């Protein structure tokens, strides 16, 4: 029974890390999209 409790706890931790990584990726993509759109409006190129 002790092993089962540990595996549940580590699974929960892994899910938290996945959530944080997905949140970071989403924010990063949103920032990149807004930044490129802003550069396009201003007439700037890369």
Protein backbone atom coordinates (compact mmCIF):
# COMPACT_ATOMS: atom_id res chain seq x y z
CA UNK A 1 0.00 0.00 0.00
CA UNK A 2 2.94 2.34 0.61
CA UNK A 3 4.18 2.03 -2.98
CA UNK A 4 0.77 2.86 -4.41
CA UNK A 5 0.61 6.08 -2.36
CA UNK A 6 4.03 7.17 -3.60
CA UNK A 7 3.16 6.55 -7.24
CA UNK A 8 -0.02 8.61 -6.89
CA UNK A 9 1.92 11.46 -5.32
CA UNK A 10 4.63 11.49 -8.01
CA UNK A 11 1.96 11.33 -10.73
CA UNK A 12 0.35 14.42 -9.28
CA UNK A 13 3.71 16.20 -9.25
CA UNK A 14 4.34 15.25 -12.87
CA UNK A 15 0.92 16.61 -13.85
CA UNK A 16 1.74 19.90 -12.12
CA UNK A 17 5.00 20.16 -14.09
CA UNK A 18 3.17 19.40 -17.35
CA UNK A 19 0.63 22.11 -16.54
CA UNK A 20 3.35 24.67 -15.78
CA UNK A 21 5.24 23.82 -18.98
CA UNK A 22 2.07 24.04 -21.09
CA UNK A 23 1.16 27.36 -19.46
CA UNK A 24 4.64 28.74 -20.17
CA UNK A 25 4.52 27.55 -23.79
CA UNK A 26 1.12 29.17 -24.31
CA UNK A 27 2.23 32.50 -22.85
CA UNK A 28 5.43 32.39 -24.91
CA UNK A 29 3.53 31.78 -28.15
CA UNK A 30 1.04 34.54 -27.33
CA UNK A 31 3.83 37.03 -26.60
CA UNK A 32 5.63 36.11 -29.84
CA UNK A 33 2.47 36.54 -31.89
CA UNK A 34 1.68 39.93 -30.37
CA UNK A 35 5.29 41.09 -30.77
CA UNK A 36 5.46 40.11 -34.45
CA UNK A 37 2.09 41.78 -35.10
CA UNK A 38 3.33 44.92 -33.36
CA UNK A 39 6.50 44.93 -35.49
CA UNK A 40 4.38 44.50 -38.63
CA UNK A 41 2.15 47.45 -37.72
CA UNK A 42 5.21 49.63 -37.16
CA UNK A 43 6.72 48.55 -40.49
CA UNK A 44 9.77 46.93 -38.92
CA UNK A 45 11.44 43.82 -40.32
CA UNK A 46 13.48 41.17 -38.60
